[in-house]
C-alpha cells in the first residue's frame, strides 16, 4: 500500500510543479481513485489551493472503510478535499462516477477509469 499516491504524490515537489505547469499551460489534468491526492497541494497563482471551490471526486471515506484501510492510509481523501474547500461529490460506493471542472477531471474509484478517460479524450479533442 505504500506505493499509493496518498504517500507518493501528495507532497512530491516534482509532481506538484509538473501539475502546476500543466494548469498554467491550460492543459487538462485527470486522476482516479486515490490519485486525486496529487492535486491536494497544488496552488493557483494567488497561492490558494487549486481545488478550492472546484467540483471534484475521489475515493470515498465509505469505500476506504469497506476495504478496511481507514486506519492504514495517512489521511482520508474525501476529508482532505473538503478541508481544502473543494466541492466534493460522490455516488454509491464502487459505482463509476467522474466529474469535470474546467480542465480538471477526477474519478471516484477504479470503476471510474473509463469515464475519466472518455472525458479526458473529449477535452483533448477540443
N, C-alpha and C. Protein backbone atom coordinates (compact mmCIF):
# COMPACT_ATOMS: atom_id res chain seq x y z
N UNK A 1 0.83 -1.20 0.00
CA UNK A 1 0.00 0.00 0.00
C UNK A 1 0.87 1.26 0.00
N UNK A 2 2.13 1.15 0.35
CA UNK A 2 2.98 2.33 0.44
C UNK A 2 3.29 2.95 -0.91
N UNK A 3 2.94 2.31 -2.01
CA UNK A 3 3.16 2.91 -3.33
C UNK A 3 1.92 3.65 -3.81
N UNK A 4 1.02 3.90 -2.93
CA UNK A 4 -0.22 4.61 -3.23
C UNK A 4 0.07 6.11 -3.36
N UNK A 5 -0.66 6.81 -4.24
CA UNK A 5 -0.46 8.26 -4.38
C UNK A 5 -0.60 9.04 -3.07
N UNK A 6 -1.35 8.50 -2.12
CA UNK A 6 -1.50 9.19 -0.84
C UNK A 6 -0.15 9.42 -0.18
N UNK A 7 0.77 8.50 -0.36
CA UNK A 7 2.11 8.65 0.20
C UNK A 7 3.06 9.29 -0.82
N UNK A 8 2.95 8.87 -2.06
CA UNK A 8 3.96 9.21 -3.07
C UNK A 8 3.82 10.58 -3.72
N UNK A 9 2.61 11.03 -3.98
CA UNK A 9 2.44 12.22 -4.81
C UNK A 9 1.92 13.45 -4.08
N UNK A 10 1.28 13.28 -2.97
CA UNK A 10 0.64 14.40 -2.29
C UNK A 10 1.63 15.51 -1.93
N UNK A 11 2.80 15.14 -1.46
CA UNK A 11 3.80 16.12 -1.04
C UNK A 11 4.99 16.21 -2.00
N UNK A 12 4.97 15.45 -3.09
CA UNK A 12 6.11 15.39 -4.00
C UNK A 12 6.26 16.69 -4.78
N UNK A 13 7.35 17.40 -4.54
CA UNK A 13 7.55 18.72 -5.15
C UNK A 13 7.63 18.65 -6.68
N UNK A 14 8.23 17.60 -7.22
CA UNK A 14 8.32 17.47 -8.67
C UNK A 14 6.94 17.25 -9.28
N UNK A 15 6.13 16.41 -8.65
CA UNK A 15 4.77 16.17 -9.12
C UNK A 15 3.94 17.45 -9.05
N UNK A 16 4.04 18.15 -7.93
CA UNK A 16 3.31 19.41 -7.76
C UNK A 16 3.71 20.41 -8.83
N UNK A 17 5.00 20.57 -9.07
CA UNK A 17 5.48 21.51 -10.09
C UNK A 17 5.00 21.12 -11.48
N UNK A 18 5.01 19.84 -11.79
CA UNK A 18 4.56 19.37 -13.10
C UNK A 18 3.08 19.67 -13.30
N UNK A 19 2.28 19.35 -12.30
CA UNK A 19 0.83 19.60 -12.41
C UNK A 19 0.56 21.10 -12.50
N UNK A 20 1.25 21.89 -11.70
CA UNK A 20 1.08 23.35 -11.77
C UNK A 20 1.46 23.87 -13.15
N UNK A 21 2.48 23.28 -13.78
CA UNK A 21 2.87 23.72 -15.12
C UNK A 21 1.79 23.37 -16.15
N UNK A 22 1.14 22.24 -15.98
CA UNK A 22 0.04 21.87 -16.87
C UNK A 22 -1.11 22.88 -16.72
N UNK A 23 -1.41 23.25 -15.50
CA UNK A 23 -2.50 24.19 -15.25
C UNK A 23 -2.17 25.55 -15.88
N UNK A 24 -0.94 26.03 -15.68
CA UNK A 24 -0.53 27.31 -16.25
C UNK A 24 -0.57 27.29 -17.78
N UNK A 25 -0.34 26.12 -18.37
CA UNK A 25 -0.34 25.98 -19.83
C UNK A 25 -1.72 25.62 -20.37
N UNK A 26 -2.74 25.65 -19.50
CA UNK A 26 -4.12 25.31 -19.88
C UNK A 26 -4.23 23.91 -20.48
N UNK A 27 -3.52 22.97 -19.87
CA UNK A 27 -3.60 21.56 -20.26
C UNK A 27 -4.49 20.84 -19.25
N UNK A 28 -5.22 19.84 -19.69
CA UNK A 28 -6.08 19.10 -18.75
C UNK A 28 -5.26 18.25 -17.78
N UNK A 29 -5.82 18.07 -16.60
CA UNK A 29 -5.25 17.16 -15.61
C UNK A 29 -6.37 16.22 -15.20
N UNK A 30 -6.02 14.97 -14.94
CA UNK A 30 -7.04 14.00 -14.54
C UNK A 30 -6.45 12.95 -13.62
N UNK A 31 -7.31 12.35 -12.82
CA UNK A 31 -6.88 11.28 -11.92
C UNK A 31 -8.10 10.52 -11.41
N UNK A 32 -7.83 9.32 -10.90
CA UNK A 32 -8.88 8.40 -10.47
C UNK A 32 -8.54 7.81 -9.10
N UNK A 33 -9.56 7.56 -8.31
CA UNK A 33 -9.46 6.81 -7.05
C UNK A 33 -8.67 7.60 -6.00
N UNK A 34 -7.50 7.11 -5.58
CA UNK A 34 -6.66 7.82 -4.63
C UNK A 34 -5.80 8.89 -5.29
N UNK A 35 -5.61 8.79 -6.60
CA UNK A 35 -4.69 9.69 -7.30
C UNK A 35 -5.07 11.17 -7.25
N UNK A 36 -6.36 11.55 -7.07
CA UNK A 36 -6.62 12.98 -6.90
C UNK A 36 -5.89 13.60 -5.71
N UNK A 37 -5.31 12.77 -4.85
CA UNK A 37 -4.50 13.31 -3.76
C UNK A 37 -3.31 14.11 -4.31
N UNK A 38 -2.91 13.82 -5.54
CA UNK A 38 -1.82 14.59 -6.18
C UNK A 38 -2.22 16.04 -6.39
N UNK A 39 -3.50 16.34 -6.35
CA UNK A 39 -3.99 17.71 -6.55
C UNK A 39 -4.16 18.47 -5.24
N UNK A 40 -4.03 17.80 -4.11
CA UNK A 40 -4.31 18.44 -2.82
C UNK A 40 -3.45 19.65 -2.52
N UNK A 41 -2.19 19.62 -2.87
CA UNK A 41 -1.28 20.72 -2.51
C UNK A 41 -0.90 21.59 -3.69
N UNK A 42 -1.64 21.47 -4.77
CA UNK A 42 -1.44 22.34 -5.93
C UNK A 42 -2.01 23.72 -5.58
N UNK A 43 -1.26 24.76 -5.88
CA UNK A 43 -1.72 26.12 -5.59
C UNK A 43 -1.96 26.87 -6.90
N UNK A 44 -2.88 27.83 -6.86
CA UNK A 44 -3.12 28.67 -8.02
C UNK A 44 -2.20 29.90 -7.96
N UNK A 45 -2.35 30.79 -8.90
CA UNK A 45 -1.47 31.97 -8.98
C UNK A 45 -1.57 32.86 -7.74
N UNK A 46 -2.71 32.79 -7.03
CA UNK A 46 -2.91 33.59 -5.83
C UNK A 46 -2.46 32.88 -4.55
N UNK A 47 -1.91 31.67 -4.70
CA UNK A 47 -1.46 30.92 -3.54
C UNK A 47 -2.56 30.14 -2.83
N UNK A 48 -3.74 30.09 -3.43
CA UNK A 48 -4.85 29.32 -2.87
C UNK A 48 -4.77 27.88 -3.38
N UNK A 49 -5.37 26.97 -2.63
CA UNK A 49 -5.45 25.60 -3.12
C UNK A 49 -6.22 25.58 -4.44
N UNK A 50 -5.66 24.93 -5.43
CA UNK A 50 -6.28 24.88 -6.75
C UNK A 50 -7.68 24.27 -6.71
N UNK A 51 -7.89 23.27 -5.84
CA UNK A 51 -9.19 22.60 -5.80
C UNK A 51 -10.25 23.39 -5.02
N UNK A 52 -9.85 24.45 -4.37
CA UNK A 52 -10.81 25.25 -3.60
C UNK A 52 -11.92 25.75 -4.52
N UNK A 53 -13.16 25.43 -4.17
CA UNK A 53 -14.31 25.86 -4.96
C UNK A 53 -14.55 25.05 -6.21
N UNK A 54 -13.71 24.06 -6.49
CA UNK A 54 -13.87 23.24 -7.68
C UNK A 54 -14.60 21.94 -7.34
N UNK A 55 -15.37 21.45 -8.30
CA UNK A 55 -16.06 20.18 -8.13
C UNK A 55 -15.07 19.05 -8.39
N UNK A 56 -14.94 18.17 -7.42
CA UNK A 56 -14.00 17.05 -7.50
C UNK A 56 -14.64 15.78 -6.93
N UNK A 57 -14.00 14.67 -7.20
CA UNK A 57 -14.35 13.42 -6.54
C UNK A 57 -13.07 12.62 -6.34
N UNK A 58 -13.18 11.54 -5.63
CA UNK A 58 -12.06 10.65 -5.35
C UNK A 58 -12.57 9.56 -4.43
N UNK A 59 -11.69 8.66 -4.05
CA UNK A 59 -12.07 7.53 -3.20
C UNK A 59 -12.79 8.05 -1.96
N UNK A 60 -13.96 7.51 -1.69
CA UNK A 60 -14.79 7.99 -0.58
C UNK A 60 -14.35 7.41 0.76
N UNK A 61 -14.75 8.08 1.81
CA UNK A 61 -14.48 7.56 3.16
C UNK A 61 -15.12 6.18 3.33
N UNK A 62 -16.33 6.01 2.80
CA UNK A 62 -17.01 4.72 2.97
C UNK A 62 -16.35 3.62 2.15
N UNK A 63 -15.80 3.94 0.98
CA UNK A 63 -15.06 2.93 0.22
C UNK A 63 -13.78 2.55 0.95
N UNK A 64 -13.12 3.52 1.55
CA UNK A 64 -11.91 3.25 2.33
C UNK A 64 -12.25 2.32 3.50
N UNK A 65 -13.37 2.59 4.17
CA UNK A 65 -13.78 1.75 5.28
C UNK A 65 -14.13 0.34 4.81
N UNK A 66 -14.74 0.23 3.64
CA UNK A 66 -15.13 -1.07 3.11
C UNK A 66 -13.92 -1.97 2.83
N UNK A 67 -12.80 -1.37 2.46
CA UNK A 67 -11.58 -2.16 2.21
C UNK A 67 -10.70 -2.23 3.46
N UNK A 68 -11.23 -1.73 4.56
CA UNK A 68 -10.59 -1.80 5.88
C UNK A 68 -9.21 -1.14 5.92
N UNK A 69 -9.10 0.02 5.26
CA UNK A 69 -7.82 0.73 5.25
C UNK A 69 -7.90 2.12 5.90
N UNK A 70 -9.01 2.43 6.51
CA UNK A 70 -9.17 3.73 7.14
C UNK A 70 -8.06 4.03 8.13
N UNK A 71 -7.62 3.04 8.86
CA UNK A 71 -6.57 3.23 9.87
C UNK A 71 -5.17 3.04 9.29
N UNK A 72 -5.06 2.67 8.02
CA UNK A 72 -3.78 2.41 7.38
C UNK A 72 -3.29 3.62 6.58
N UNK A 73 -4.21 4.22 5.82
CA UNK A 73 -3.83 5.34 4.97
C UNK A 73 -3.48 6.57 5.82
N UNK A 74 -2.62 7.44 5.29
CA UNK A 74 -2.20 8.60 6.08
C UNK A 74 -3.31 9.64 6.27
N UNK A 75 -4.31 9.62 5.41
CA UNK A 75 -5.45 10.52 5.53
C UNK A 75 -6.57 10.00 4.65
N UNK A 76 -7.77 10.49 4.89
CA UNK A 76 -8.92 10.14 4.06
C UNK A 76 -9.07 11.22 2.98
N UNK A 77 -9.00 10.80 1.75
CA UNK A 77 -9.01 11.73 0.62
C UNK A 77 -10.25 12.62 0.62
N UNK A 78 -11.40 12.03 0.83
CA UNK A 78 -12.64 12.82 0.86
C UNK A 78 -12.54 13.96 1.87
N UNK A 79 -12.08 13.64 3.07
CA UNK A 79 -11.95 14.66 4.12
C UNK A 79 -10.96 15.76 3.72
N UNK A 80 -9.82 15.37 3.17
CA UNK A 80 -8.80 16.35 2.81
C UNK A 80 -9.26 17.27 1.68
N UNK A 81 -9.99 16.73 0.72
CA UNK A 81 -10.50 17.57 -0.36
C UNK A 81 -11.47 18.63 0.20
N UNK A 82 -12.32 18.18 1.09
CA UNK A 82 -13.27 19.11 1.71
C UNK A 82 -12.55 20.16 2.55
N UNK A 83 -11.50 19.76 3.29
CA UNK A 83 -10.74 20.71 4.11
C UNK A 83 -10.11 21.81 3.26
N UNK A 84 -9.78 21.48 2.02
CA UNK A 84 -9.16 22.47 1.12
C UNK A 84 -10.19 23.26 0.34
N UNK A 85 -11.45 23.10 0.69
CA UNK A 85 -12.51 23.91 0.10
C UNK A 85 -13.09 23.39 -1.19
N UNK A 86 -12.80 22.15 -1.54
CA UNK A 86 -13.35 21.58 -2.77
C UNK A 86 -14.83 21.26 -2.59
N UNK A 87 -15.55 21.27 -3.69
CA UNK A 87 -16.94 20.85 -3.71
C UNK A 87 -16.93 19.37 -4.05
N UNK A 88 -16.79 18.55 -3.02
CA UNK A 88 -16.63 17.11 -3.19
C UNK A 88 -17.97 16.46 -3.51
N UNK A 89 -17.99 15.64 -4.56
CA UNK A 89 -19.20 14.92 -4.98
C UNK A 89 -18.88 13.44 -5.02
N UNK A 90 -19.88 12.62 -4.80
CA UNK A 90 -19.72 11.18 -4.95
C UNK A 90 -21.07 10.53 -5.21
N UNK A 91 -21.00 9.26 -5.56
CA UNK A 91 -22.19 8.46 -5.77
C UNK A 91 -22.05 7.20 -4.93
N UNK A 92 -22.90 6.22 -5.15
CA UNK A 92 -22.84 4.98 -4.38
C UNK A 92 -21.46 4.33 -4.51
N UNK A 93 -21.01 3.71 -3.44
CA UNK A 93 -19.72 3.03 -3.44
C UNK A 93 -19.60 2.08 -4.62
N UNK A 94 -18.41 2.08 -5.21
CA UNK A 94 -18.00 1.18 -6.29
C UNK A 94 -18.72 1.43 -7.61
N UNK A 95 -19.52 2.49 -7.67
CA UNK A 95 -20.22 2.85 -8.91
C UNK A 95 -19.33 3.78 -9.71
N UNK A 96 -19.23 3.59 -11.03
CA UNK A 96 -18.44 4.52 -11.84
C UNK A 96 -19.00 5.94 -11.73
N UNK A 97 -18.10 6.89 -11.47
CA UNK A 97 -18.51 8.29 -11.32
C UNK A 97 -17.31 9.17 -11.59
N UNK A 98 -17.52 10.16 -12.45
CA UNK A 98 -16.45 11.11 -12.77
C UNK A 98 -17.05 12.50 -12.89
N UNK A 99 -16.26 13.50 -12.52
CA UNK A 99 -16.68 14.89 -12.66
C UNK A 99 -15.58 15.68 -13.36
N UNK A 100 -16.02 16.72 -14.03
CA UNK A 100 -15.07 17.62 -14.68
C UNK A 100 -15.39 19.03 -14.26
N UNK A 101 -14.37 19.75 -13.87
CA UNK A 101 -14.49 21.17 -13.55
C UNK A 101 -13.39 21.88 -14.33
N UNK A 102 -13.77 22.51 -15.41
CA UNK A 102 -12.79 23.13 -16.28
C UNK A 102 -11.90 22.06 -16.88
N UNK A 103 -10.60 22.22 -16.69
CA UNK A 103 -9.64 21.26 -17.25
C UNK A 103 -9.26 20.15 -16.27
N UNK A 104 -9.92 20.09 -15.12
CA UNK A 104 -9.63 19.06 -14.13
C UNK A 104 -10.72 18.00 -14.15
N UNK A 105 -10.30 16.74 -14.28
CA UNK A 105 -11.22 15.62 -14.34
C UNK A 105 -10.82 14.63 -13.25
N UNK A 106 -11.79 14.21 -12.43
CA UNK A 106 -11.49 13.27 -11.35
C UNK A 106 -12.53 12.15 -11.35
N UNK A 107 -12.08 10.96 -10.95
CA UNK A 107 -12.95 9.79 -10.85
C UNK A 107 -12.95 9.24 -9.44
N UNK A 108 -14.09 8.73 -9.02
CA UNK A 108 -14.28 8.31 -7.63
C UNK A 108 -13.50 7.06 -7.24
N UNK A 109 -13.46 6.06 -8.08
CA UNK A 109 -12.89 4.76 -7.72
C UNK A 109 -12.36 4.07 -8.97
N UNK A 110 -11.74 2.90 -8.84
CA UNK A 110 -11.19 2.25 -10.03
C UNK A 110 -12.22 2.03 -11.14
N UNK A 111 -13.47 1.79 -10.78
CA UNK A 111 -14.52 1.58 -11.77
C UNK A 111 -14.79 2.84 -12.61
N UNK A 112 -14.25 3.97 -12.18
CA UNK A 112 -14.47 5.25 -12.86
C UNK A 112 -13.42 5.55 -13.93
N UNK A 113 -12.45 4.69 -14.09
CA UNK A 113 -11.34 4.94 -15.02
C UNK A 113 -11.81 5.21 -16.44
N UNK A 114 -12.74 4.41 -16.92
CA UNK A 114 -13.21 4.58 -18.30
C UNK A 114 -13.91 5.93 -18.47
N UNK A 115 -14.72 6.33 -17.51
CA UNK A 115 -15.40 7.62 -17.59
C UNK A 115 -14.40 8.77 -17.62
N UNK A 116 -13.39 8.69 -16.78
CA UNK A 116 -12.36 9.73 -16.75
C UNK A 116 -11.63 9.77 -18.08
N UNK A 117 -11.27 8.61 -18.62
CA UNK A 117 -10.58 8.55 -19.90
C UNK A 117 -11.42 9.16 -21.02
N UNK A 118 -12.71 8.88 -21.02
CA UNK A 118 -13.60 9.44 -22.03
C UNK A 118 -13.65 10.96 -21.94
N UNK A 119 -13.76 11.48 -20.72
CA UNK A 119 -13.79 12.93 -20.53
C UNK A 119 -12.46 13.56 -20.95
N UNK A 120 -11.35 12.90 -20.61
CA UNK A 120 -10.04 13.43 -20.98
C UNK A 120 -9.87 13.43 -22.50
N UNK A 121 -10.25 12.35 -23.16
CA UNK A 121 -10.15 12.29 -24.62
C UNK A 121 -11.01 13.38 -25.28
N UNK A 122 -12.20 13.59 -24.74
CA UNK A 122 -13.08 14.64 -25.28
C UNK A 122 -12.44 16.01 -25.08
N UNK A 123 -11.81 16.22 -23.95
CA UNK A 123 -11.14 17.50 -23.68
C UNK A 123 -9.96 17.70 -24.62
N UNK A 124 -9.19 16.66 -24.84
CA UNK A 124 -8.03 16.75 -25.72
C UNK A 124 -8.43 16.98 -27.18
N UNK A 125 -9.63 16.53 -27.53
CA UNK A 125 -10.10 16.68 -28.92
C UNK A 125 -10.58 18.10 -29.22
N UNK A 126 -10.75 18.91 -28.19
CA UNK A 126 -11.23 20.29 -28.39
C UNK A 126 -10.17 21.17 -29.01
